[in-house]
């Protein structure tokens, strides 16, 4: 199964702040469960937390 990666997707907060997210999802059509990982650190450094959630394996 291949993975589609959407980088820097806008996520508007109630207070008007815009957060940026990277979305990893299967390329196959269908419904899938969602996993959310939030961090106050750089989202590009997911390798540091890869033991918790590897986005490629999760997708």
PDB file of N, CA and C in Angstrom:
ATOM      1  N   UNK A   1       0.851  -1.170   0.000  1.00  0.00           N
ATOM      2  CA  UNK A   1       0.000   0.000   0.000  1.00  0.00           C
ATOM      3  C   UNK A   1       0.898   1.234   0.000  1.00  0.00           C
ATOM      4  N   UNK A   2       0.611   2.175  -0.869  1.00  0.00           N
ATOM      5  CA  UNK A   2       1.390   3.412  -0.898  1.00  0.00           C
ATOM      6  C   UNK A   2       0.711   4.480  -0.049  1.00  0.00           C
ATOM      7  N   UNK A   3       1.479   5.519   0.252  1.00  0.00           N
ATOM      8  CA  UNK A   3       1.025   6.568   1.166  1.00  0.00           C
ATOM      9  C   UNK A   3       1.058   7.914   0.455  1.00  0.00           C
ATOM     10  N   UNK A   4       0.029   8.722   0.661  1.00  0.00           N
ATOM     11  CA  UNK A   4      -0.009  10.100   0.182  1.00  0.00           C
ATOM     12  C   UNK A   4       0.344  10.997   1.360  1.00  0.00           C
ATOM     13  N   UNK A   5       1.242  11.962   1.123  1.00  0.00           N
ATOM     14  CA  UNK A   5       1.646  12.888   2.180  1.00  0.00           C
ATOM     15  C   UNK A   5       1.255  14.300   1.755  1.00  0.00           C
ATOM     16  N   UNK A   6       0.391  14.933   2.528  1.00  0.00           N
ATOM     17  CA  UNK A   6       0.022  16.336   2.320  1.00  0.00           C
ATOM     18  C   UNK A   6       0.783  17.146   3.359  1.00  0.00           C
ATOM     19  N   UNK A   7       1.720  17.991   2.911  1.00  0.00           N
ATOM     20  CA  UNK A   7       2.570  18.753   3.824  1.00  0.00           C
ATOM     21  C   UNK A   7       1.968  20.129   4.095  1.00  0.00           C
ATOM     22  N   UNK A   8       2.145  20.597   5.313  1.00  0.00           N
ATOM     23  CA  UNK A   8       1.786  21.955   5.728  1.00  0.00           C
ATOM     24  C   UNK A   8       0.318  22.302   5.489  1.00  0.00           C
ATOM     25  N   UNK A   9      -0.559  21.406   5.884  1.00  0.00           N
ATOM     26  CA  UNK A   9      -2.000  21.628   5.778  1.00  0.00           C
ATOM     27  C   UNK A   9      -2.423  22.588   6.891  1.00  0.00           C
ATOM     28  N   UNK A  10      -3.149  23.651   6.538  1.00  0.00           N
ATOM     29  CA  UNK A  10      -3.620  24.620   7.542  1.00  0.00           C
ATOM     30  C   UNK A  10      -4.650  23.987   8.469  1.00  0.00           C
ATOM     31  N   UNK A  11      -4.472  24.223   9.767  1.00  0.00           N
ATOM     32  CA  UNK A  11      -5.427  23.769  10.776  1.00  0.00           C
ATOM     33  C   UNK A  11      -5.788  24.987  11.626  1.00  0.00           C
ATOM     34  N   UNK A  12      -6.936  25.637  11.337  1.00  0.00           N
ATOM     35  CA  UNK A  12      -7.311  26.840  12.089  1.00  0.00           C
ATOM     36  C   UNK A  12      -7.805  26.502  13.494  1.00  0.00           C
ATOM     37  N   UNK A  13      -7.337  27.256  14.463  1.00  0.00           N
ATOM     38  CA  UNK A  13      -7.762  27.105  15.852  1.00  0.00           C
ATOM     39  C   UNK A  13      -8.863  28.123  16.161  1.00  0.00           C
ATOM     40  N   UNK A  14      -9.594  27.907  17.253  1.00  0.00           N
ATOM     41  CA  UNK A  14     -10.695  28.806  17.626  1.00  0.00           C
ATOM     42  C   UNK A  14     -10.240  30.239  17.839  1.00  0.00           C
ATOM     43  N   UNK A  15      -9.000  30.414  18.311  1.00  0.00           N
ATOM     44  CA  UNK A  15      -8.516  31.764  18.600  1.00  0.00           C
ATOM     45  C   UNK A  15      -7.930  32.456  17.374  1.00  0.00           C
ATOM     46  N   UNK A  16      -8.039  31.827  16.208  1.00  0.00           N
ATOM     47  CA  UNK A  16      -7.562  32.425  14.973  1.00  0.00           C
ATOM     48  C   UNK A  16      -6.152  32.005  14.574  1.00  0.00           C
ATOM     49  N   UNK A  17      -5.448  31.335  15.457  1.00  0.00           N
ATOM     50  CA  UNK A  17      -4.100  30.858  15.142  1.00  0.00           C
ATOM     51  C   UNK A  17      -4.195  29.742  14.103  1.00  0.00           C
ATOM     52  N   UNK A  18      -3.274  29.756  13.160  1.00  0.00           N
ATOM     53  CA  UNK A  18      -3.207  28.695  12.158  1.00  0.00           C
ATOM     54  C   UNK A  18      -2.013  27.800  12.490  1.00  0.00           C
ATOM     55  N   UNK A  19      -2.276  26.524  12.718  1.00  0.00           N
ATOM     56  CA  UNK A  19      -1.215  25.542  12.898  1.00  0.00           C
ATOM     57  C   UNK A  19      -1.020  24.824  11.571  1.00  0.00           C
ATOM     58  N   UNK A  20       0.147  24.257  11.358  1.00  0.00           N
ATOM     59  CA  UNK A  20       0.427  23.511  10.135  1.00  0.00           C
ATOM     60  C   UNK A  20       0.611  22.037  10.488  1.00  0.00           C
ATOM     61  N   UNK A  21       0.026  21.182   9.688  1.00  0.00           N
ATOM     62  CA  UNK A  21       0.111  19.741   9.938  1.00  0.00           C
ATOM     63  C   UNK A  21       0.568  19.023   8.673  1.00  0.00           C
ATOM     64  N   UNK A  22       1.217  17.902   8.862  1.00  0.00           N
ATOM     65  CA  UNK A  22       1.515  16.985   7.765  1.00  0.00           C
ATOM     66  C   UNK A  22       0.540  15.824   7.900  1.00  0.00           C
ATOM     67  N   UNK A  23      -0.148  15.498   6.817  1.00  0.00           N
ATOM     68  CA  UNK A  23      -1.161  14.443   6.840  1.00  0.00           C
ATOM     69  C   UNK A  23      -0.646  13.266   6.009  1.00  0.00           C
ATOM     70  N   UNK A  24      -0.549  12.117   6.656  1.00  0.00           N
ATOM     71  CA  UNK A  24      -0.128  10.874   6.002  1.00  0.00           C
ATOM     72  C   UNK A  24      -1.365   9.992   5.894  1.00  0.00           C
ATOM     73  N   UNK A  25      -1.690   9.568   4.657  1.00  0.00           N
ATOM     74  CA  UNK A  25      -2.886   8.750   4.485  1.00  0.00           C
ATOM     75  C   UNK A  25      -2.664   7.708   3.396  1.00  0.00           C
ATOM     76  N   UNK A  26      -3.378   6.593   3.507  1.00  0.00           N
ATOM     77  CA  UNK A  26      -3.255   5.557   2.474  1.00  0.00           C
ATOM     78  C   UNK A  26      -3.771   6.081   1.136  1.00  0.00           C
ATOM     79  N   UNK A  27      -3.153   5.644   0.062  1.00  0.00           N
ATOM     80  CA  UNK A  27      -3.609   6.078  -1.262  1.00  0.00           C
ATOM     81  C   UNK A  27      -4.859   5.323  -1.707  1.00  0.00           C
ATOM     82  N   UNK A  28      -5.133   4.181  -1.091  1.00  0.00           N
ATOM     83  CA  UNK A  28      -6.327   3.404  -1.437  1.00  0.00           C
ATOM     84  C   UNK A  28      -7.580   4.089  -0.900  1.00  0.00           C
ATOM     85  N   UNK A  29      -8.651   4.035  -1.691  1.00  0.00           N
ATOM     86  CA  UNK A  29      -9.933   4.587  -1.254  1.00  0.00           C
ATOM     87  C   UNK A  29     -10.476   3.790  -0.077  1.00  0.00           C
ATOM     88  N   UNK A  30     -11.291   4.424   0.734  1.00  0.00           N
ATOM     89  CA  UNK A  30     -11.919   3.725   1.848  1.00  0.00           C
ATOM     90  C   UNK A  30     -11.845   4.535   3.124  1.00  0.00           C
ATOM     91  N   UNK A  31     -12.460   4.002   4.153  1.00  0.00           N
ATOM     92  CA  UNK A  31     -12.439   4.655   5.456  1.00  0.00           C
ATOM     93  C   UNK A  31     -11.376   3.995   6.320  1.00  0.00           C
ATOM     94  N   UNK A  32     -10.624   4.829   7.031  1.00  0.00           N
ATOM     95  CA  UNK A  32      -9.542   4.342   7.880  1.00  0.00           C
ATOM     96  C   UNK A  32      -9.603   5.057   9.217  1.00  0.00           C
ATOM     97  N   UNK A  33      -9.111   4.440  10.273  1.00  0.00           N
ATOM     98  CA  UNK A  33      -9.043   5.133  11.563  1.00  0.00           C
ATOM     99  C   UNK A  33      -8.023   6.273  11.482  1.00  0.00           C
ATOM    100  N   UNK A  34      -8.154   7.223  12.382  1.00  0.00           N
ATOM    101  CA  UNK A  34      -7.268   8.389  12.406  1.00  0.00           C
ATOM    102  C   UNK A  34      -6.414   8.358  13.662  1.00  0.00           C
ATOM    103  N   UNK A  35      -5.133   8.643  13.490  1.00  0.00           N
ATOM    104  CA  UNK A  35      -4.215   8.803  14.615  1.00  0.00           C
ATOM    105  C   UNK A  35      -3.701  10.233  14.583  1.00  0.00           C
ATOM    106  N   UNK A  36      -3.695  10.894  15.722  1.00  0.00           N
ATOM    107  CA  UNK A  36      -3.217  12.274  15.798  1.00  0.00           C
ATOM    108  C   UNK A  36      -2.033  12.322  16.745  1.00  0.00           C
ATOM    109  N   UNK A  37      -0.948  12.927  16.272  1.00  0.00           N
ATOM    110  CA  UNK A  37       0.212  13.136  17.128  1.00  0.00           C
ATOM    111  C   UNK A  37       0.467  14.633  17.176  1.00  0.00           C
ATOM    112  N   UNK A  38       0.457  15.184  18.370  1.00  0.00           N
ATOM    113  CA  UNK A  38       0.716  16.614  18.554  1.00  0.00           C
ATOM    114  C   UNK A  38       2.003  16.774  19.340  1.00  0.00           C
ATOM    115  N   UNK A  39       2.774  17.760  18.948  1.00  0.00           N
ATOM    116  CA  UNK A  39       4.020  18.032  19.644  1.00  0.00           C
ATOM    117  C   UNK A  39       4.297  19.531  19.599  1.00  0.00           C
ATOM    118  N   UNK A  40       4.880  20.080  20.652  1.00  0.00           N
ATOM    119  CA  UNK A  40       5.260  21.491  20.623  1.00  0.00           C
ATOM    120  C   UNK A  40       6.558  21.698  19.850  1.00  0.00           C
ATOM    121  N   UNK A  41       7.137  20.622  19.354  1.00  0.00           N
ATOM    122  CA  UNK A  41       8.415  20.691  18.662  1.00  0.00           C
ATOM    123  C   UNK A  41       8.205  20.664  17.159  1.00  0.00           C
ATOM    124  N   UNK A  42       9.264  20.818  16.429  1.00  0.00           N
ATOM    125  CA  UNK A  42       9.258  20.828  14.977  1.00  0.00           C
ATOM    126  C   UNK A  42       8.643  19.538  14.425  1.00  0.00           C
ATOM    127  N   UNK A  43       7.584  19.657  13.619  1.00  0.00           N
ATOM    128  CA  UNK A  43       6.908  18.476  13.081  1.00  0.00           C
ATOM    129  C   UNK A  43       7.779  17.703  12.100  1.00  0.00           C
ATOM    130  N   UNK A  44       8.829  18.333  11.585  1.00  0.00           N
ATOM    131  CA  UNK A  44       9.744  17.651  10.680  1.00  0.00           C
ATOM    132  C   UNK A  44      10.665  16.687  11.424  1.00  0.00           C
ATOM    133  N   UNK A  45      10.686  16.767  12.739  1.00  0.00           N
ATOM    134  CA  UNK A  45      11.581  15.928  13.527  1.00  0.00           C
ATOM    135  C   UNK A  45      10.840  14.727  14.102  1.00  0.00           C
ATOM    136  N   UNK A  46       9.910  14.154  13.349  1.00  0.00           N
ATOM    137  CA  UNK A  46       9.125  13.022  13.852  1.00  0.00           C
ATOM    138  C   UNK A  46       9.991  11.801  14.117  1.00  0.00           C
ATOM    139  N   UNK A  47      11.189  11.769  13.522  1.00  0.00           N
ATOM    140  CA  UNK A  47      12.061  10.612  13.771  1.00  0.00           C
ATOM    141  C   UNK A  47      12.426  10.482  15.246  1.00  0.00           C
ATOM    142  N   UNK A  48      12.475  11.602  15.960  1.00  0.00           N
ATOM    143  CA  UNK A  48      12.789  11.558  17.388  1.00  0.00           C
ATOM    144  C   UNK A  48      11.702  10.795  18.141  1.00  0.00           C
ATOM    145  N   UNK A  49      10.455  10.954  17.701  1.00  0.00           N
ATOM    146  CA  UNK A  49       9.335  10.285  18.369  1.00  0.00           C
ATOM    147  C   UNK A  49       8.855   9.064  17.590  1.00  0.00           C
ATOM    148  N   UNK A  50       9.655   8.600  16.645  1.00  0.00           N
ATOM    149  CA  UNK A  50       9.236   7.488  15.781  1.00  0.00           C
ATOM    150  C   UNK A  50       8.900   6.233  16.575  1.00  0.00           C
ATOM    151  N   UNK A  51       9.505   6.087  17.737  1.00  0.00           N
ATOM    152  CA  UNK A  51       9.169   4.910  18.537  1.00  0.00           C
ATOM    153  C   UNK A  51       7.721   4.978  19.026  1.00  0.00           C
ATOM    154  N   UNK A  52       7.177   6.194  19.098  1.00  0.00           N
ATOM    155  CA  UNK A  52       5.792   6.382  19.515  1.00  0.00           C
ATOM    156  C   UNK A  52       4.838   6.217  18.337  1.00  0.00           C
ATOM    157  N   UNK A  53       5.131   6.910  17.239  1.00  0.00           N
ATOM    158  CA  UNK A  53       4.245   6.861  16.078  1.00  0.00           C
ATOM    159  C   UNK A  53       5.032   7.167  14.813  1.00  0.00           C
ATOM    160  N   UNK A  54       5.208   6.193  13.976  1.00  0.00           N
ATOM    161  CA  UNK A  54       5.854   6.368  12.682  1.00  0.00           C
ATOM    162  C   UNK A  54       4.742   6.637  11.673  1.00  0.00           C
ATOM    163  N   UNK A  55       4.669   7.844  11.093  1.00  0.00           N
ATOM    164  CA  UNK A  55       3.541   8.182  10.219  1.00  0.00           C
ATOM    165  C   UNK A  55       3.425   7.295   8.986  1.00  0.00           C
ATOM    166  N   UNK A  56       4.533   6.850   8.442  1.00  0.00           N
ATOM    167  CA  UNK A  56       4.464   5.991   7.259  1.00  0.00           C
ATOM    168  C   UNK A  56       3.868   4.630   7.620  1.00  0.00           C
ATOM    169  N   UNK A  57       4.305   4.045   8.729  1.00  0.00           N
ATOM    170  CA  UNK A  57       3.747   2.757   9.150  1.00  0.00           C
ATOM    171  C   UNK A  57       2.288   2.901   9.569  1.00  0.00           C
ATOM    172  N   UNK A  58       1.946   4.034  10.190  1.00  0.00           N
ATOM    173  CA  UNK A  58       0.570   4.243  10.647  1.00  0.00           C
ATOM    174  C   UNK A  58      -0.385   4.389   9.473  1.00  0.00           C
ATOM    175  N   UNK A  59       0.068   5.036   8.389  1.00  0.00           N
ATOM    176  CA  UNK A  59      -0.791   5.227   7.223  1.00  0.00           C
ATOM    177  C   UNK A  59      -0.965   3.906   6.514  1.00  0.00           C
TER     178      UNK A  59
END
